[in-house]
Amino acid sequence: MREPTYFILSALQDEPLHGYAIIKQAAALSQGRVTLATGTLYSALDRLTAEGYVRVVKEEIVSGRARRYYATTPEGDAALQAEAAYLADAARVVTDRAVRMARRPAAGLA
């Protein structure tokens, strides 16, 4: 899963959001690493909807324009959880090795 997709799904974990709110939440959750352009976001939302990971839960008209609110589906939640577990396992490989290396005496000093 690409990082923007991960943070779009993460942004939708707590409650349904509209596009601008997803952009802001994804940026906040990624600590500024993910900055989504509007076109990029809506392309991703269309793809995630087609894949069954998100759905439109509400639509309203604001200033003459449609505002859609998106939420994750159970499949989207499962995909996000699977990716989070994968990333945690991958991080553990590195952090566990760093701990082992830190406990070893430096070469030539033992």
PDB file of N, CA and C in Angstrom:
ATOM      1  N   MET A   1       0.858  -1.177   0.000  1.00  0.00           N
ATOM      2  CA  MET A   1       0.000   0.000   0.000  1.00  0.00           C
ATOM      3  C   MET A   1       0.902   1.237   0.000  1.00  0.00           C
ATOM      4  N   ARG A   2       0.589   2.175  -0.872  1.00  0.00           N
ATOM      5  CA  ARG A   2       1.378   3.403  -0.933  1.00  0.00           C
ATOM      6  C   ARG A   2       1.053   4.298   0.261  1.00  0.00           C
ATOM      7  N   GLU A   3       2.012   5.126   0.632  1.00  0.00           N
ATOM      8  CA  GLU A   3       1.862   5.982   1.807  1.00  0.00           C
ATOM      9  C   GLU A   3       0.635   6.894   1.736  1.00  0.00           C
ATOM     10  N   PRO A   4       0.337   7.551   0.607  1.00  0.00           N
ATOM     11  CA  PRO A   4      -0.870   8.383   0.567  1.00  0.00           C
ATOM     12  C   PRO A   4      -2.146   7.582   0.848  1.00  0.00           C
ATOM     13  N   THR A   5      -2.242   6.385   0.287  1.00  0.00           N
ATOM     14  CA  THR A   5      -3.412   5.541   0.532  1.00  0.00           C
ATOM     15  C   THR A   5      -3.521   5.192   2.009  1.00  0.00           C
ATOM     16  N   TYR A   6      -2.404   4.837   2.615  1.00  0.00           N
ATOM     17  CA  TYR A   6      -2.373   4.492   4.037  1.00  0.00           C
ATOM     18  C   TYR A   6      -2.915   5.652   4.878  1.00  0.00           C
ATOM     19  N   PHE A   7      -2.484   6.855   4.581  1.00  0.00           N
ATOM     20  CA  PHE A   7      -2.916   7.998   5.386  1.00  0.00           C
ATOM     21  C   PHE A   7      -4.328   8.485   5.020  1.00  0.00           C
ATOM     22  N   ILE A   8      -4.785   8.243   3.814  1.00  0.00           N
ATOM     23  CA  ILE A   8      -6.188   8.537   3.485  1.00  0.00           C
ATOM     24  C   ILE A   8      -7.085   7.618   4.306  1.00  0.00           C
ATOM     25  N   LEU A   9      -6.782   6.333   4.302  1.00  0.00           N
ATOM     26  CA  LEU A   9      -7.579   5.390   5.091  1.00  0.00           C
ATOM     27  C   LEU A   9      -7.470   5.691   6.580  1.00  0.00           C
ATOM     28  N   SER A  10      -6.278   6.053   7.037  1.00  0.00           N
ATOM     29  CA  SER A  10      -6.087   6.412   8.449  1.00  0.00           C
ATOM     30  C   SER A  10      -6.923   7.628   8.826  1.00  0.00           C
ATOM     31  N   ALA A  11      -6.998   8.587   7.924  1.00  0.00           N
ATOM     32  CA  ALA A  11      -7.776   9.801   8.186  1.00  0.00           C
ATOM     33  C   ALA A  11      -9.255   9.492   8.388  1.00  0.00           C
ATOM     34  N   LEU A  12      -9.715   8.426   7.759  1.00  0.00           N
ATOM     35  CA  LEU A  12     -11.138   8.078   7.819  1.00  0.00           C
ATOM     36  C   LEU A  12     -11.480   7.099   8.943  1.00  0.00           C
ATOM     37  N   GLN A  13     -10.510   6.744   9.759  1.00  0.00           N
ATOM     38  CA  GLN A  13     -10.751   5.765  10.821  1.00  0.00           C
ATOM     39  C   GLN A  13     -11.783   6.219  11.844  1.00  0.00           C
ATOM     40  N   ASP A  14     -11.729   7.461  12.262  1.00  0.00           N
ATOM     41  CA  ASP A  14     -12.561   7.921  13.368  1.00  0.00           C
ATOM     42  C   ASP A  14     -13.972   8.327  12.960  1.00  0.00           C
ATOM     43  N   GLU A  15     -14.084   8.951  11.804  1.00  0.00           N
ATOM     44  CA  GLU A  15     -15.388   9.466  11.381  1.00  0.00           C
ATOM     45  C   GLU A  15     -15.355   9.774   9.892  1.00  0.00           C
ATOM     46  N   PRO A  16     -16.519   9.822   9.265  1.00  0.00           N
ATOM     47  CA  PRO A  16     -16.564  10.216   7.856  1.00  0.00           C
ATOM     48  C   PRO A  16     -16.065  11.658   7.687  1.00  0.00           C
ATOM     49  N   LEU A  17     -15.350  11.894   6.609  1.00  0.00           N
ATOM     50  CA  LEU A  17     -14.811  13.222   6.317  1.00  0.00           C
ATOM     51  C   LEU A  17     -15.038  13.575   4.856  1.00  0.00           C
ATOM     52  N   HIS A  18     -15.096  14.869   4.576  1.00  0.00           N
ATOM     53  CA  HIS A  18     -15.141  15.343   3.191  1.00  0.00           C
ATOM     54  C   HIS A  18     -13.708  15.587   2.723  1.00  0.00           C
ATOM     55  N   GLY A  19     -13.559  15.855   1.448  1.00  0.00           N
ATOM     56  CA  GLY A  19     -12.241  15.931   0.823  1.00  0.00           C
ATOM     57  C   GLY A  19     -11.234  16.820   1.517  1.00  0.00           C
ATOM     58  N   TYR A  20     -11.590  18.073   1.763  1.00  0.00           N
ATOM     59  CA  TYR A  20     -10.639  19.001   2.377  1.00  0.00           C
ATOM     60  C   TYR A  20     -10.225  18.514   3.760  1.00  0.00           C
ATOM     61  N   ALA A  21     -11.168  17.966   4.522  1.00  0.00           N
ATOM     62  CA  ALA A  21     -10.852  17.448   5.850  1.00  0.00           C
ATOM     63  C   ALA A  21      -9.927  16.233   5.762  1.00  0.00           C
ATOM     64  N   ILE A  22     -10.096  15.404   4.725  1.00  0.00           N
ATOM     65  CA  ILE A  22      -9.199  14.259   4.534  1.00  0.00           C
ATOM     66  C   ILE A  22      -7.786  14.755   4.260  1.00  0.00           C
ATOM     67  N   ILE A  23      -7.663  15.765   3.408  1.00  0.00           N
ATOM     68  CA  ILE A  23      -6.346  16.332   3.088  1.00  0.00           C
ATOM     69  C   ILE A  23      -5.663  16.825   4.358  1.00  0.00           C
ATOM     70  N   LYS A  24      -6.385  17.569   5.180  1.00  0.00           N
ATOM     71  CA  LYS A  24      -5.819  18.113   6.425  1.00  0.00           C
ATOM     72  C   LYS A  24      -5.453  17.004   7.411  1.00  0.00           C
ATOM     73  N   GLN A  25      -6.343  16.030   7.573  1.00  0.00           N
ATOM     74  CA  GLN A  25      -6.101  14.952   8.529  1.00  0.00           C
ATOM     75  C   GLN A  25      -4.932  14.066   8.084  1.00  0.00           C
ATOM     76  N   ALA A  26      -4.847  13.762   6.795  1.00  0.00           N
ATOM     77  CA  ALA A  26      -3.733  12.951   6.287  1.00  0.00           C
ATOM     78  C   ALA A  26      -2.407  13.671   6.512  1.00  0.00           C
ATOM     79  N   ALA A  27      -2.382  14.978   6.294  1.00  0.00           N
ATOM     80  CA  ALA A  27      -1.160  15.756   6.535  1.00  0.00           C
ATOM     81  C   ALA A  27      -0.792  15.731   8.011  1.00  0.00           C
ATOM     82  N   ALA A  28      -1.780  15.890   8.877  1.00  0.00           N
ATOM     83  CA  ALA A  28      -1.513  15.889  10.321  1.00  0.00           C
ATOM     84  C   ALA A  28      -1.016  14.522  10.791  1.00  0.00           C
ATOM     85  N   LEU A  29      -1.694  13.466  10.368  1.00  0.00           N
ATOM     86  CA  LEU A  29      -1.316  12.122  10.801  1.00  0.00           C
ATOM     87  C   LEU A  29       0.064  11.719  10.299  1.00  0.00           C
ATOM     88  N   SER A  30       0.432  12.209   9.117  1.00  0.00           N
ATOM     89  CA  SER A  30       1.743  11.872   8.539  1.00  0.00           C
ATOM     90  C   SER A  30       2.818  12.870   8.940  1.00  0.00           C
ATOM     91  N   GLN A  31       2.475  13.782   9.816  1.00  0.00           N
ATOM     92  CA  GLN A  31       3.395  14.836  10.261  1.00  0.00           C
ATOM     93  C   GLN A  31       3.956  15.624   9.077  1.00  0.00           C
ATOM     94  N   GLY A  32       3.065  15.883   8.113  1.00  0.00           N
ATOM     95  CA  GLY A  32       3.420  16.712   6.967  1.00  0.00           C
ATOM     96  C   GLY A  32       4.071  15.973   5.807  1.00  0.00           C
ATOM     97  N   ARG A  33       4.314  14.676   5.945  1.00  0.00           N
ATOM     98  CA  ARG A  33       4.953  13.923   4.853  1.00  0.00           C
ATOM     99  C   ARG A  33       4.011  13.746   3.670  1.00  0.00           C
ATOM    100  N   VAL A  34       2.716  13.617   3.943  1.00  0.00           N
ATOM    101  CA  VAL A  34       1.740  13.408   2.875  1.00  0.00           C
ATOM    102  C   VAL A  34       0.952  14.697   2.679  1.00  0.00           C
ATOM    103  N   THR A  35       1.176  15.341   1.544  1.00  0.00           N
ATOM    104  CA  THR A  35       0.418  16.537   1.177  1.00  0.00           C
ATOM    105  C   THR A  35      -0.312  16.212  -0.123  1.00  0.00           C
ATOM    106  N   LEU A  36      -1.601  16.045  -0.007  1.00  0.00           N
ATOM    107  CA  LEU A  36      -2.411  15.598  -1.137  1.00  0.00           C
ATOM    108  C   LEU A  36      -2.972  16.783  -1.913  1.00  0.00           C
ATOM    109  N   ALA A  37      -2.777  16.772  -3.204  1.00  0.00           N
ATOM    110  CA  ALA A  37      -3.453  17.732  -4.080  1.00  0.00           C
ATOM    111  C   ALA A  37      -4.891  17.253  -4.243  1.00  0.00           C
ATOM    112  N   THR A  38      -5.793  18.156  -4.539  1.00  0.00           N
ATOM    113  CA  THR A  38      -7.207  17.816  -4.669  1.00  0.00           C
ATOM    114  C   THR A  38      -7.425  16.728  -5.715  1.00  0.00           C
ATOM    115  N   GLY A  39      -6.815  16.884  -6.870  1.00  0.00           N
ATOM    116  CA  GLY A  39      -6.978  15.889  -7.938  1.00  0.00           C
ATOM    117  C   GLY A  39      -6.458  14.526  -7.533  1.00  0.00           C
ATOM    118  N   THR A  40      -5.330  14.515  -6.852  1.00  0.00           N
ATOM    119  CA  THR A  40      -4.747  13.263  -6.376  1.00  0.00           C
ATOM    120  C   THR A  40      -5.677  12.584  -5.378  1.00  0.00           C
ATOM    121  N   LEU A  41      -6.231  13.372  -4.457  1.00  0.00           N
ATOM    122  CA  LEU A  41      -7.136  12.808  -3.455  1.00  0.00           C
ATOM    123  C   LEU A  41      -8.354  12.182  -4.118  1.00  0.00           C
ATOM    124  N   TYR A  42      -9.013  12.911  -5.003  1.00  0.00           N
ATOM    125  CA  TYR A  42     -10.245  12.386  -5.592  1.00  0.00           C
ATOM    126  C   TYR A  42      -9.986  11.205  -6.515  1.00  0.00           C
ATOM    127  N   SER A  43      -8.837  11.164  -7.170  1.00  0.00           N
ATOM    128  CA  SER A  43      -8.464   9.965  -7.942  1.00  0.00           C
ATOM    129  C   SER A  43      -8.297   8.774  -7.003  1.00  0.00           C
ATOM    130  N   ALA A  44      -7.635   9.007  -5.887  1.00  0.00           N
ATOM    131  CA  ALA A  44      -7.438   7.936  -4.905  1.00  0.00           C
ATOM    132  C   ALA A  44      -8.771   7.488  -4.314  1.00  0.00           C
ATOM    133  N   LEU A  45      -9.647   8.435  -3.995  1.00  0.00           N
ATOM    134  CA  LEU A  45     -10.954   8.072  -3.438  1.00  0.00           C
ATOM    135  C   LEU A  45     -11.781   7.275  -4.451  1.00  0.00           C
ATOM    136  N   ASP A  46     -11.715   7.655  -5.728  1.00  0.00           N
ATOM    137  CA  ASP A  46     -12.421   6.886  -6.766  1.00  0.00           C
ATOM    138  C   ASP A  46     -11.879   5.465  -6.824  1.00  0.00           C
ATOM    139  N   ARG A  47     -10.561   5.321  -6.778  1.00  0.00           N
ATOM    140  CA  ARG A  47      -9.937   3.995  -6.819  1.00  0.00           C
ATOM    141  C   ARG A  47     -10.306   3.182  -5.582  1.00  0.00           C
ATOM    142  N   LEU A  48     -10.219   3.816  -4.403  1.00  0.00           N
ATOM    143  CA  LEU A  48     -10.534   3.115  -3.149  1.00  0.00           C
ATOM    144  C   LEU A  48     -12.009   2.731  -3.086  1.00  0.00           C
ATOM    145  N   THR A  49     -12.870   3.544  -3.675  1.00  0.00           N
ATOM    146  CA  THR A  49     -14.298   3.205  -3.749  1.00  0.00           C
ATOM    147  C   THR A  49     -14.489   1.991  -4.661  1.00  0.00           C
ATOM    148  N   ALA A  50     -13.832   2.001  -5.809  1.00  0.00           N
ATOM    149  CA  ALA A  50     -13.940   0.871  -6.748  1.00  0.00           C
ATOM    150  C   ALA A  50     -13.395  -0.420  -6.131  1.00  0.00           C
ATOM    151  N   GLU A  51     -12.366  -0.296  -5.290  1.00  0.00           N
ATOM    152  CA  GLU A  51     -11.781  -1.466  -4.626  1.00  0.00           C
ATOM    153  C   GLU A  51     -12.605  -1.920  -3.425  1.00  0.00           C
ATOM    154  N   GLY A  52     -13.597  -1.120  -3.039  1.00  0.00           N
ATOM    155  CA  GLY A  52     -14.440  -1.478  -1.905  1.00  0.00           C
ATOM    156  C   GLY A  52     -13.872  -1.096  -0.555  1.00  0.00           C
ATOM    157  N   TYR A  53     -12.886  -0.189  -0.521  1.00  0.00           N
ATOM    158  CA  TYR A  53     -12.248   0.206   0.740  1.00  0.00           C
ATOM    159  C   TYR A  53     -12.889   1.437   1.376  1.00  0.00           C
ATOM    160  N   VAL A  54     -13.523   2.286   0.563  1.00  0.00           N
ATOM    161  CA  VAL A  54     -14.245   3.448   1.091  1.00  0.00           C
ATOM    162  C   VAL A  54     -15.597   3.544   0.399  1.00  0.00           C
ATOM    163  N   ARG A  55     -16.485   4.301   1.021  1.00  0.00           N
ATOM    164  CA  ARG A  55     -17.809   4.530   0.434  1.00  0.00           C
ATOM    165  C   ARG A  55     -18.255   5.938   0.794  1.00  0.00           C
ATOM    166  N   VAL A  56     -19.129   6.474  -0.041  1.00  0.00           N
ATOM    167  CA  VAL A  56     -19.741   7.769   0.243  1.00  0.00           C
ATOM    168  C   VAL A  56     -20.883   7.508   1.223  1.00  0.00           C
ATOM    169  N   VAL A  57     -20.872   8.230   2.345  1.00  0.00           N
ATOM    170  CA  VAL A  57     -21.907   8.017   3.356  1.00  0.00           C
ATOM    171  C   VAL A  57     -22.899   9.174   3.439  1.00  0.00           C
ATOM    172  N   LYS A  58     -22.522  10.311   2.862  1.00  0.00           N
ATOM    173  CA  LYS A  58     -23.407  11.480   2.922  1.00  0.00           C
ATOM    174  C   LYS A  58     -22.990  12.448   1.828  1.00  0.00           C
ATOM    175  N   GLU A  59     -23.973  13.145   1.291  1.00  0.00           N
ATOM    176  CA  GLU A  59     -23.686  14.178   0.296  1.00  0.00           C
ATOM    177  C   GLU A  59     -24.573  15.368   0.606  1.00  0.00           C
ATOM    178  N   GLU A  60     -23.983  16.550   0.575  1.00  0.00           N
ATOM    179  CA  GLU A  60     -24.748  17.770   0.807  1.00  0.00           C
ATOM    180  C   GLU A  60     -24.267  18.840  -0.159  1.00  0.00           C
ATOM    181  N   ILE A  61     -25.078  19.843  -0.346  1.00  0.00           N
ATOM    182  CA  ILE A  61     -24.707  20.961  -1.208  1.00  0.00           C
ATOM    183  C   ILE A  61     -24.240  22.111  -0.319  1.00  0.00           C
ATOM    184  N   VAL A  62     -23.008  22.573  -0.554  1.00  0.00           N
ATOM    185  CA  VAL A  62     -22.434  23.685   0.192  1.00  0.00           C
ATOM    186  C   VAL A  62     -21.953  24.713  -0.829  1.00  0.00           C
ATOM    187  N   SER A  63     -22.488  25.915  -0.750  1.00  0.00           N
ATOM    188  CA  SER A  63     -22.144  26.982  -1.701  1.00  0.00           C
ATOM    189  C   SER A  63     -22.334  26.534  -3.145  1.00  0.00           C
ATOM    190  N   GLY A  64     -23.403  25.786  -3.382  1.00  0.00           N
ATOM    191  CA  GLY A  64     -23.719  25.358  -4.732  1.00  0.00           C
ATOM    192  C   GLY A  64     -22.923  24.173  -5.239  1.00  0.00           C
ATOM    193  N   ARG A  65     -22.076  23.594  -4.403  1.00  0.00           N
ATOM    194  CA  ARG A  65     -21.250  22.455  -4.822  1.00  0.00           C
ATOM    195  C   ARG A  65     -21.548  21.252  -3.948  1.00  0.00           C
ATOM    196  N   ALA A  66     -21.431  20.077  -4.549  1.00  0.00           N
ATOM    197  CA  ALA A  66     -21.654  18.839  -3.794  1.00  0.00           C
ATOM    198  C   ALA A  66     -20.456  18.586  -2.878  1.00  0.00           C
ATOM    199  N   ARG A  67     -20.740  18.264  -1.644  1.00  0.00           N
ATOM    200  CA  ARG A  67     -19.708  17.875  -0.681  1.00  0.00           C
ATOM    201  C   ARG A  67     -20.026  16.442  -0.265  1.00  0.00           C
ATOM    202  N   ARG A  68     -19.107  15.541  -0.583  1.00  0.00           N
ATOM    203  CA  ARG A  68     -19.288  14.131  -0.245  1.00  0.00           C
ATOM    204  C   ARG A  68     -18.461  13.792   0.990  1.00  0.00           C
ATOM    205  N   TYR A  69     -19.065  13.014   1.859  1.00  0.00           N
ATOM    206  CA  TYR A  69     -18.372  12.510   3.040  1.00  0.00           C
ATOM    207  C   TYR A  69     -18.065  11.039   2.810  1.00  0.00           C
ATOM    208  N   TYR A  70     -16.835  10.666   3.078  1.00  0.00           N
ATOM    209  CA  TYR A  70     -16.364   9.302   2.847  1.00  0.00           C
ATOM    210  C   TYR A  70     -16.078   8.613   4.179  1.00  0.00           C
ATOM    211  N   ALA A  71     -16.248   7.284   4.178  1.00  0.00           N
ATOM    212  CA  ALA A  71     -15.919   6.465   5.342  1.00  0.00           C
ATOM    213  C   ALA A  71     -15.278   5.178   4.836  1.00  0.00           C
ATOM    214  N   THR A  72     -14.507   4.555   5.694  1.00  0.00           N
ATOM    215  CA  THR A  72     -13.951   3.256   5.319  1.00  0.00           C
ATOM    216  C   THR A  72     -15.024   2.188   5.420  1.00  0.00           C
ATOM    217  N   THR A  73     -14.850   1.149   4.647  1.00  0.00           N
ATOM    218  CA  THR A  73     -15.697  -0.042   4.729  1.00  0.00           C
ATOM    219  C   THR A  73     -14.975  -1.052   5.626  1.00  0.00           C
ATOM    220  N   PRO A  74     -15.634  -2.124   6.014  1.00  0.00           N
ATOM    221  CA  PRO A  74     -14.928  -3.168   6.774  1.00  0.00           C
ATOM    222  C   PRO A  74     -13.691  -3.692   6.023  1.00  0.00           C
ATOM    223  N   GLU A  75     -13.786  -3.786   4.690  1.00  0.00           N
ATOM    224  CA  GLU A  75     -12.633  -4.225   3.894  1.00  0.00           C
ATOM    225  C   GLU A  75     -11.508  -3.193   3.945  1.00  0.00           C
ATOM    226  N   GLY A  76     -11.866  -1.930   3.927  1.00  0.00           N
ATOM    227  CA  GLY A  76     -10.857  -0.875   4.038  1.00  0.00           C
ATOM    228  C   GLY A  76     -10.185  -0.875   5.398  1.00  0.00           C
ATOM    229  N   ASP A  77     -10.985  -1.073   6.442  1.00  0.00           N
ATOM    230  CA  ASP A  77     -10.422  -1.166   7.793  1.00  0.00           C
ATOM    231  C   ASP A  77      -9.466  -2.349   7.900  1.00  0.00           C
ATOM    232  N   ALA A  78      -9.866  -3.493   7.331  1.00  0.00           N
ATOM    233  CA  ALA A  78      -9.017  -4.690   7.380  1.00  0.00           C
ATOM    234  C   ALA A  78      -7.717  -4.470   6.614  1.00  0.00           C
ATOM    235  N   ALA A  79      -7.798  -3.837   5.453  1.00  0.00           N
ATOM    236  CA  ALA A  79      -6.589  -3.563   4.666  1.00  0.00           C
ATOM    237  C   ALA A  79      -5.658  -2.619   5.421  1.00  0.00           C
ATOM    238  N   LEU A  80      -6.225  -1.608   6.067  1.00  0.00           N
ATOM    239  CA  LEU A  80      -5.415  -0.665   6.843  1.00  0.00           C
ATOM    240  C   LEU A  80      -4.740  -1.372   8.013  1.00  0.00           C
ATOM    241  N   GLN A  81      -5.483  -2.203   8.721  1.00  0.00           N
ATOM    242  CA  GLN A  81      -4.913  -2.941   9.856  1.00  0.00           C
ATOM    243  C   GLN A  81      -3.817  -3.896   9.394  1.00  0.00           C
ATOM    244  N   ALA A  82      -4.022  -4.561   8.272  1.00  0.00           N
ATOM    245  CA  ALA A  82      -3.007  -5.472   7.729  1.00  0.00           C
ATOM    246  C   ALA A  82      -1.738  -4.713   7.363  1.00  0.00           C
ATOM    247  N   GLU A  83      -1.898  -3.549   6.762  1.00  0.00           N
ATOM    248  CA  GLU A  83      -0.728  -2.740   6.394  1.00  0.00           C
ATOM    249  C   GLU A  83      -0.003  -2.237   7.633  1.00  0.00           C
ATOM    250  N   ALA A  84      -0.754  -1.816   8.645  1.00  0.00           N
ATOM    251  CA  ALA A  84      -0.135  -1.350   9.893  1.00  0.00           C
ATOM    252  C   ALA A  84       0.654  -2.480  10.544  1.00  0.00           C
ATOM    253  N   ALA A  85       0.113  -3.695  10.540  1.00  0.00           N
ATOM    254  CA  ALA A  85       0.823  -4.843  11.113  1.00  0.00           C
ATOM    255  C   ALA A  85       2.086  -5.147  10.316  1.00  0.00           C
ATOM    256  N   TYR A  86       1.990  -5.065   8.994  1.00  0.00           N
ATOM    257  CA  TYR A  86       3.158  -5.283   8.138  1.00  0.00           C
ATOM    258  C   TYR A  86       4.252  -4.259   8.434  1.00  0.00           C
ATOM    259  N   LEU A  87       3.865  -2.998   8.524  1.00  0.00           N
ATOM    260  CA  LEU A  87       4.841  -1.946   8.808  1.00  0.00           C
ATOM    261  C   LEU A  87       5.456  -2.112  10.197  1.00  0.00           C
ATOM    262  N   ALA A  88       4.655  -2.508  11.170  1.00  0.00           N
ATOM    263  CA  ALA A  88       5.167  -2.732  12.521  1.00  0.00           C
ATOM    264  C   ALA A  88       6.170  -3.881  12.526  1.00  0.00           C
ATOM    265  N   ASP A  89       5.865  -4.959  11.801  1.00  0.00           N
ATOM    266  CA  ASP A  89       6.799  -6.090  11.710  1.00  0.00           C
ATOM    267  C   ASP A  89       8.098  -5.672  11.032  1.00  0.00           C
ATOM    268  N   ALA A  90       7.981  -4.892   9.973  1.00  0.00           N
ATOM    269  CA  ALA A  90       9.171  -4.423   9.258  1.00  0.00           C
ATOM    270  C   ALA A  90      10.016  -3.516  10.155  1.00  0.00           C
ATOM    271  N   ALA A  91       9.377  -2.654  10.922  1.00  0.00           N
ATOM    272  CA  ALA A  91      10.107  -1.770  11.840  1.00  0.00           C
ATOM    273  C   ALA A  91      10.792  -2.579  12.934  1.00  0.00           C
ATOM    274  N   ARG A  92      10.132  -3.643  13.401  1.00  0.00           N
ATOM    275  CA  ARG A  92      10.714  -4.477  14.456  1.00  0.00           C
ATOM    276  C   ARG A  92      12.012  -5.139  14.008  1.00  0.00           C
ATOM    277  N   VAL A  93      12.113  -5.493  12.739  1.00  0.00           N
ATOM    278  CA  VAL A  93      13.349  -6.085  12.210  1.00  0.00           C
ATOM    279  C   VAL A  93      14.516  -5.150  12.472  1.00  0.00           C
ATOM    280  N   VAL A  94      14.316  -3.895  12.186  1.00  0.00           N
ATOM    281  CA  VAL A  94      15.386  -2.904  12.340  1.00  0.00           C
ATOM    282  C   VAL A  94      15.630  -2.574  13.806  1.00  0.00           C
ATOM    283  N   THR A  95      14.574  -2.329  14.554  1.00  0.00           N
ATOM    284  CA  THR A  95      14.758  -1.927  15.951  1.00  0.00           C
ATOM    285  C   THR A  95      15.324  -3.066  16.793  1.00  0.00           C
ATOM    286  N   ASP A  96      14.896  -4.305  16.532  1.00  0.00           N
ATOM    287  CA  ASP A  96      15.454  -5.439  17.272  1.00  0.00           C
ATOM    288  C   ASP A  96      16.940  -5.610  16.973  1.00  0.00           C
ATOM    289  N   ARG A  97      17.321  -5.432  15.729  1.00  0.00           N
ATOM    290  CA  ARG A  97      18.748  -5.523  15.374  1.00  0.00           C
ATOM    291  C   ARG A  97      19.539  -4.411  16.034  1.00  0.00           C
ATOM    292  N   ALA A  98      18.982  -3.215  16.094  1.00  0.00           N
ATOM    293  CA  ALA A  98      19.686  -2.089  16.717  1.00  0.00           C
ATOM    294  C   ALA A  98      19.922  -2.366  18.198  1.00  0.00           C
ATOM    295  N   VAL A  99      18.941  -2.964  18.873  1.00  0.00           N
ATOM    296  CA  VAL A  99      19.086  -3.292  20.292  1.00  0.00           C
ATOM    297  C   VAL A  99      20.174  -4.342  20.473  1.00  0.00           C
ATOM    298  N   ARG A 100      20.154  -5.382  19.622  1.00  0.00           N
ATOM    299  CA  ARG A 100      21.188  -6.420  19.719  1.00  0.00           C
ATOM    300  C   ARG A 100      22.572  -5.841  19.470  1.00  0.00           C
ATOM    301  N   MET A 101      22.676  -4.970  18.478  1.00  0.00           N
ATOM    302  CA  MET A 101      23.978  -4.367  18.148  1.00  0.00           C
ATOM    303  C   MET A 101      24.465  -3.486  19.284  1.00  0.00           C
ATOM    304  N   ALA A 102      23.570  -2.781  19.941  1.00  0.00           N
ATOM    305  CA  ALA A 102      23.954  -1.900  21.036  1.00  0.00           C
ATOM    306  C   ALA A 102      24.463  -2.684  22.233  1.00  0.00           C
ATOM    307  N   ARG A 103      24.003  -3.911  22.396  1.00  0.00           N
ATOM    308  CA  ARG A 103      24.429  -4.739  23.524  1.00  0.00           C
ATOM    309  C   ARG A 103      25.767  -5.426  23.272  1.00  0.00           C
ATOM    310  N   ARG A 104      26.200  -5.509  22.030  1.00  0.00           N
ATOM    311  CA  ARG A 104      27.467  -6.137  21.681  1.00  0.00           C
ATOM    312  C   ARG A 104      28.624  -5.215  22.003  1.00  0.00           C
ATOM    313  N   PRO A 105      29.705  -5.773  22.511  1.00  0.00           N
ATOM    314  CA  PRO A 105      30.893  -4.921  22.699  1.00  0.00           C
ATOM    315  C   PRO A 105      31.441  -4.505  21.324  1.00  0.00           C
ATOM    316  N   ALA A 106      31.992  -3.335  21.272  1.00  0.00           N
ATOM    317  CA  ALA A 106      32.564  -2.827  20.028  1.00  0.00           C
ATOM    318  C   ALA A 106      33.687  -3.748  19.579  1.00  0.00           C
ATOM    319  N   ALA A 107      33.812  -3.930  18.266  1.00  0.00           N
ATOM    320  CA  ALA A 107      34.869  -4.811  17.717  1.00  0.00           C
ATOM    321  C   ALA A 107      36.245  -4.320  18.133  1.00  0.00           C
ATOM    322  N   GLY A 108      37.053  -5.236  18.616  1.00  0.00           N
ATOM    323  CA  GLY A 108      38.421  -4.907  19.008  1.00  0.00           C
ATOM    324  C   GLY A 108      38.534  -4.332  20.406  1.00  0.00           C
ATOM    325  N   LEU A 109      37.413  -4.090  21.093  1.00  0.00           N
ATOM    326  CA  LEU A 109      37.480  -3.512  22.422  1.00  0.00           C
ATOM    327  C   LEU A 109      37.175  -4.525  23.518  1.00  0.00           C
ATOM    328  N   ALA A 110      36.756  -5.711  23.133  1.00  0.00           N
ATOM    329  CA  ALA A 110      36.384  -6.706  24.146  1.00  0.00           C
ATOM    330  C   ALA A 110      37.549  -7.474  24.657  1.00  0.00           C
TER     331      ALA A 110
END
